Amino acid sequence: MKVYRPEWQCTFSVNEGAEESANWKERIAWRLRALADRLEGKGRTVKIDYDVSPTVSRDEVDHCLGKGFEVTQKLLTQLARQQACEDVMRHAKAELYQSARKTAYF
């Protein structure tokens, strides 16, 4: 009886700038991206590289990336809510935070 073993590979990386080994074209592209980020004032440019074997369709990759960004949105919303609650507490009960700051050892 023959045993079949599935094999797959997936590499995924997110870059926020040119790597040290980048060629001149990549460095210029990243400088243009950084300029666009500054002109727009908000947001962040990232480059996503992936290599999946066996090959999956572009639609499937887009779907997975979309789901990942949905999770990111939820996490950022949760962090913003937590920060807003802490800001309210710092304002409403400043004495709690002042005493904690005095007793902290750094």
N, C-alpha and C. Protein backbone atom coordinates (compact mmCIF):
# COMPACT_ATOMS: atom_id res chain seq x y z
N MET A 1 0.83 -1.18 0.00
CA MET A 1 0.00 0.00 0.00
C MET A 1 0.88 1.25 0.00
N LYS A 2 0.60 2.14 -0.90
CA LYS A 2 1.37 3.37 -1.00
C LYS A 2 0.81 4.42 -0.03
N VAL A 3 1.72 5.10 0.66
CA VAL A 3 1.33 6.14 1.60
C VAL A 3 1.55 7.49 0.94
N TYR A 4 0.51 8.29 0.91
CA TYR A 4 0.60 9.63 0.33
C TYR A 4 0.77 10.64 1.46
N ARG A 5 1.69 11.53 1.27
CA ARG A 5 1.96 12.55 2.27
C ARG A 5 1.83 13.94 1.64
N PRO A 6 0.88 14.73 2.12
CA PRO A 6 0.75 16.07 1.54
C PRO A 6 1.95 16.94 1.94
N GLU A 7 2.38 17.76 1.02
CA GLU A 7 3.49 18.67 1.28
C GLU A 7 3.07 20.07 0.85
N TRP A 8 3.43 21.03 1.67
CA TRP A 8 3.12 22.42 1.37
C TRP A 8 4.17 23.30 2.00
N GLN A 9 4.18 24.53 1.54
CA GLN A 9 5.11 25.53 2.06
C GLN A 9 4.47 26.89 1.92
N CYS A 10 4.70 27.72 2.91
CA CYS A 10 4.19 29.08 2.84
C CYS A 10 5.17 30.01 3.54
N THR A 11 5.62 31.02 2.84
CA THR A 11 6.43 32.07 3.46
C THR A 11 5.66 33.37 3.32
N PHE A 12 5.74 34.18 4.35
CA PHE A 12 4.98 35.43 4.39
C PHE A 12 5.83 36.45 5.11
N SER A 13 5.99 37.62 4.52
CA SER A 13 6.75 38.68 5.19
C SER A 13 6.11 40.03 4.88
N VAL A 14 6.23 40.90 5.85
CA VAL A 14 5.72 42.26 5.71
C VAL A 14 6.90 43.20 5.95
N ASN A 15 7.12 44.09 5.00
CA ASN A 15 8.24 45.04 5.10
C ASN A 15 7.70 46.45 5.19
N GLU A 16 8.39 47.26 5.99
CA GLU A 16 8.03 48.67 6.10
C GLU A 16 9.10 49.57 5.53
N GLY A 17 10.07 48.99 4.91
CA GLY A 17 11.14 49.77 4.31
C GLY A 17 12.07 48.85 3.54
N ALA A 18 13.00 49.48 2.84
CA ALA A 18 13.94 48.71 2.04
C ALA A 18 14.91 47.97 2.95
N GLU A 19 15.20 46.74 2.60
CA GLU A 19 16.19 45.97 3.34
C GLU A 19 17.58 46.44 2.96
N GLU A 20 18.55 46.12 3.79
CA GLU A 20 19.93 46.55 3.52
C GLU A 20 20.43 46.01 2.19
N SER A 21 19.96 44.84 1.81
CA SER A 21 20.42 44.22 0.57
C SER A 21 19.63 44.67 -0.66
N ALA A 22 18.73 45.64 -0.49
CA ALA A 22 17.87 46.07 -1.59
C ALA A 22 18.69 46.74 -2.69
N ASN A 23 18.24 46.53 -3.94
CA ASN A 23 18.91 47.19 -5.06
C ASN A 23 18.40 48.62 -5.18
N TRP A 24 18.94 49.37 -6.11
CA TRP A 24 18.61 50.79 -6.22
C TRP A 24 17.15 51.01 -6.58
N LYS A 25 16.54 50.11 -7.38
CA LYS A 25 15.14 50.26 -7.75
C LYS A 25 14.23 50.13 -6.53
N GLU A 26 14.53 49.14 -5.70
CA GLU A 26 13.73 48.96 -4.48
C GLU A 26 13.87 50.15 -3.54
N ARG A 27 15.09 50.66 -3.41
CA ARG A 27 15.32 51.82 -2.52
C ARG A 27 14.54 53.05 -3.00
N ILE A 28 14.54 53.29 -4.31
CA ILE A 28 13.78 54.42 -4.86
C ILE A 28 12.29 54.21 -4.63
N ALA A 29 11.80 52.98 -4.84
CA ALA A 29 10.39 52.69 -4.63
C ALA A 29 9.99 52.97 -3.17
N TRP A 30 10.83 52.58 -2.22
CA TRP A 30 10.52 52.82 -0.81
C TRP A 30 10.58 54.31 -0.47
N ARG A 31 11.48 55.04 -1.10
CA ARG A 31 11.52 56.49 -0.86
C ARG A 31 10.25 57.15 -1.38
N LEU A 32 9.76 56.70 -2.54
CA LEU A 32 8.50 57.23 -3.08
C LEU A 32 7.33 56.88 -2.17
N ARG A 33 7.32 55.66 -1.64
CA ARG A 33 6.25 55.27 -0.71
C ARG A 33 6.29 56.13 0.54
N ALA A 34 7.49 56.38 1.07
CA ALA A 34 7.62 57.22 2.27
C ALA A 34 7.16 58.64 1.99
N LEU A 35 7.47 59.15 0.80
CA LEU A 35 7.01 60.49 0.42
C LEU A 35 5.49 60.53 0.34
N ALA A 36 4.89 59.51 -0.26
CA ALA A 36 3.43 59.45 -0.35
C ALA A 36 2.81 59.39 1.04
N ASP A 37 3.40 58.64 1.95
CA ASP A 37 2.88 58.58 3.33
C ASP A 37 2.92 59.96 3.98
N ARG A 38 4.01 60.68 3.77
CA ARG A 38 4.12 62.03 4.37
C ARG A 38 3.12 63.00 3.74
N LEU A 39 2.92 62.91 2.43
CA LEU A 39 1.98 63.80 1.75
C LEU A 39 0.54 63.55 2.22
N GLU A 40 0.18 62.29 2.39
CA GLU A 40 -1.17 61.95 2.81
C GLU A 40 -1.38 62.21 4.29
N GLY A 41 -0.31 62.13 5.06
CA GLY A 41 -0.39 62.47 6.48
C GLY A 41 -0.89 61.36 7.38
N LYS A 42 -1.59 60.40 6.86
CA LYS A 42 -2.08 59.28 7.67
C LYS A 42 -1.80 58.00 6.93
N GLY A 43 -1.84 56.93 7.69
CA GLY A 43 -1.65 55.63 7.07
C GLY A 43 -0.21 55.19 7.13
N ARG A 44 -0.01 54.03 6.60
CA ARG A 44 1.29 53.39 6.65
C ARG A 44 1.42 52.47 5.45
N THR A 45 2.50 52.57 4.74
CA THR A 45 2.73 51.72 3.58
C THR A 45 3.52 50.49 4.00
N VAL A 46 3.01 49.34 3.64
CA VAL A 46 3.72 48.09 3.88
C VAL A 46 3.72 47.29 2.58
N LYS A 47 4.71 46.46 2.45
CA LYS A 47 4.79 45.57 1.29
C LYS A 47 4.67 44.15 1.79
N ILE A 48 3.77 43.40 1.20
CA ILE A 48 3.53 42.01 1.61
C ILE A 48 4.10 41.09 0.53
N ASP A 49 5.01 40.24 0.95
CA ASP A 49 5.56 39.22 0.06
C ASP A 49 5.10 37.86 0.55
N TYR A 50 4.66 37.01 -0.37
CA TYR A 50 4.26 35.66 0.02
C TYR A 50 4.62 34.69 -1.09
N ASP A 51 4.86 33.47 -0.68
CA ASP A 51 5.13 32.39 -1.63
C ASP A 51 4.45 31.15 -1.07
N VAL A 52 3.44 30.66 -1.77
CA VAL A 52 2.66 29.53 -1.31
C VAL A 52 2.80 28.40 -2.32
N SER A 53 3.06 27.22 -1.79
CA SER A 53 3.17 26.04 -2.64
C SER A 53 2.43 24.90 -1.98
N PRO A 54 1.52 24.24 -2.65
CA PRO A 54 1.12 24.44 -4.04
C PRO A 54 0.39 25.77 -4.21
N THR A 55 0.35 26.22 -5.41
CA THR A 55 -0.20 27.53 -5.74
C THR A 55 -1.67 27.64 -5.34
N VAL A 56 -2.01 28.78 -4.77
CA VAL A 56 -3.41 29.11 -4.49
C VAL A 56 -3.78 30.32 -5.33
N SER A 57 -5.05 30.50 -5.57
CA SER A 57 -5.49 31.58 -6.47
C SER A 57 -5.30 32.94 -5.82
N ARG A 58 -5.24 33.94 -6.66
CA ARG A 58 -5.13 35.33 -6.21
C ARG A 58 -6.34 35.69 -5.35
N ASP A 59 -7.52 35.23 -5.73
CA ASP A 59 -8.73 35.50 -4.95
C ASP A 59 -8.63 34.92 -3.54
N GLU A 60 -8.07 33.71 -3.43
CA GLU A 60 -7.91 33.10 -2.11
C GLU A 60 -6.91 33.87 -1.26
N VAL A 61 -5.83 34.32 -1.87
CA VAL A 61 -4.84 35.13 -1.16
C VAL A 61 -5.49 36.43 -0.70
N ASP A 62 -6.22 37.10 -1.58
CA ASP A 62 -6.89 38.35 -1.23
C ASP A 62 -7.88 38.14 -0.09
N HIS A 63 -8.60 37.02 -0.13
CA HIS A 63 -9.56 36.71 0.93
C HIS A 63 -8.85 36.55 2.27
N CYS A 64 -7.74 35.81 2.27
CA CYS A 64 -6.97 35.62 3.51
C CYS A 64 -6.42 36.94 4.04
N LEU A 65 -5.89 37.77 3.16
CA LEU A 65 -5.37 39.07 3.58
C LEU A 65 -6.50 39.94 4.15
N GLY A 66 -7.65 39.90 3.51
CA GLY A 66 -8.80 40.66 4.00
C GLY A 66 -9.19 40.22 5.40
N LYS A 67 -9.22 38.92 5.64
CA LYS A 67 -9.55 38.41 6.98
C LYS A 67 -8.50 38.85 7.98
N GLY A 68 -7.24 38.84 7.58
CA GLY A 68 -6.17 39.30 8.48
C GLY A 68 -6.33 40.77 8.85
N PHE A 69 -6.71 41.59 7.88
CA PHE A 69 -6.91 43.01 8.17
C PHE A 69 -8.15 43.24 9.02
N GLU A 70 -9.16 42.37 8.90
CA GLU A 70 -10.33 42.46 9.79
C GLU A 70 -9.91 42.21 11.24
N VAL A 71 -9.06 41.21 11.45
CA VAL A 71 -8.56 40.93 12.80
C VAL A 71 -7.74 42.11 13.31
N THR A 72 -6.91 42.68 12.44
CA THR A 72 -6.12 43.84 12.81
C THR A 72 -7.02 45.00 13.22
N GLN A 73 -8.08 45.25 12.46
CA GLN A 73 -9.03 46.31 12.78
C GLN A 73 -9.64 46.09 14.16
N LYS A 74 -10.05 44.85 14.45
CA LYS A 74 -10.65 44.55 15.75
C LYS A 74 -9.65 44.78 16.88
N LEU A 75 -8.40 44.35 16.68
CA LEU A 75 -7.39 44.54 17.71
C LEU A 75 -7.09 46.02 17.94
N LEU A 76 -6.98 46.79 16.88
CA LEU A 76 -6.73 48.23 17.02
C LEU A 76 -7.90 48.93 17.70
N THR A 77 -9.12 48.52 17.37
CA THR A 77 -10.31 49.09 18.02
C THR A 77 -10.30 48.77 19.51
N GLN A 78 -9.94 47.55 19.85
CA GLN A 78 -9.87 47.15 21.26
C GLN A 78 -8.80 47.97 21.99
N LEU A 79 -7.65 48.15 21.39
CA LEU A 79 -6.59 48.96 22.00
C LEU A 79 -7.03 50.40 22.19
N ALA A 80 -7.72 50.96 21.19
CA ALA A 80 -8.20 52.34 21.29
C ALA A 80 -9.21 52.47 22.43
N ARG A 81 -10.11 51.51 22.56
CA ARG A 81 -11.09 51.53 23.64
C ARG A 81 -10.41 51.45 25.00
N GLN A 82 -9.43 50.57 25.14
CA GLN A 82 -8.70 50.45 26.39
C GLN A 82 -7.97 51.74 26.74
N GLN A 83 -7.37 52.36 25.74
CA GLN A 83 -6.66 53.62 25.98
C GLN A 83 -7.62 54.73 26.37
N ALA A 84 -8.79 54.75 25.73
CA ALA A 84 -9.80 55.76 26.07
C ALA A 84 -10.27 55.58 27.51
N CYS A 85 -10.48 54.33 27.94
CA CYS A 85 -10.90 54.07 29.33
C CYS A 85 -9.81 54.50 30.30
N GLU A 86 -8.57 54.19 29.96
CA GLU A 86 -7.47 54.60 30.85
C GLU A 86 -7.36 56.12 30.92
N ASP A 87 -7.53 56.80 29.80
CA ASP A 87 -7.48 58.26 29.79
C ASP A 87 -8.57 58.85 30.69
N VAL A 88 -9.77 58.27 30.63
CA VAL A 88 -10.87 58.74 31.48
C VAL A 88 -10.52 58.52 32.95
N MET A 89 -9.99 57.34 33.25
CA MET A 89 -9.62 57.04 34.63
C MET A 89 -8.50 57.96 35.12
N ARG A 90 -7.53 58.23 34.29
CA ARG A 90 -6.44 59.15 34.69
C ARG A 90 -7.00 60.54 34.98
N HIS A 91 -8.01 60.94 34.23
CA HIS A 91 -8.60 62.26 34.45
C HIS A 91 -9.51 62.25 35.69
N ALA A 92 -10.34 61.24 35.81
CA ALA A 92 -11.32 61.18 36.90
C ALA A 92 -10.67 60.83 38.24
N LYS A 93 -9.66 59.99 38.22
CA LYS A 93 -9.01 59.53 39.46
C LYS A 93 -7.50 59.74 39.36
N ALA A 94 -7.10 60.95 39.10
CA ALA A 94 -5.68 61.25 38.92
C ALA A 94 -4.85 60.86 40.13
N GLU A 95 -5.46 60.94 41.33
CA GLU A 95 -4.70 60.63 42.55
C GLU A 95 -4.25 59.16 42.57
N LEU A 96 -4.99 58.28 41.96
CA LEU A 96 -4.58 56.88 41.91
C LEU A 96 -3.31 56.71 41.08
N TYR A 97 -3.21 57.46 40.02
CA TYR A 97 -2.06 57.34 39.15
C TYR A 97 -0.85 58.10 39.71
N GLN A 98 -1.10 59.18 40.42
CA GLN A 98 0.01 59.94 41.01
C GLN A 98 0.69 59.13 42.10
N SER A 99 -0.06 58.46 42.96
CA SER A 99 0.54 57.67 44.03
C SER A 99 1.29 56.48 43.45
N ALA A 100 0.78 55.90 42.39
CA ALA A 100 1.46 54.77 41.76
C ALA A 100 2.78 55.22 41.15
N ARG A 101 2.81 56.42 40.60
CA ARG A 101 4.02 56.94 39.99
C ARG A 101 5.08 57.21 41.06
N LYS A 102 4.66 57.68 42.24
CA LYS A 102 5.60 57.98 43.32
C LYS A 102 6.23 56.72 43.90
N THR A 103 5.50 55.63 43.93
CA THR A 103 6.02 54.41 44.55
C THR A 103 6.71 53.49 43.54
N ALA A 104 6.65 53.81 42.29
CA ALA A 104 7.29 52.95 41.30
C ALA A 104 8.80 53.06 41.41
N TYR A 105 9.47 51.93 41.28
CA TYR A 105 10.94 51.90 41.34
C TYR A 105 11.48 51.58 39.96
N PHE A 106 12.29 52.48 39.46
CA PHE A 106 12.87 52.29 38.12
C PHE A 106 14.36 52.27 38.22
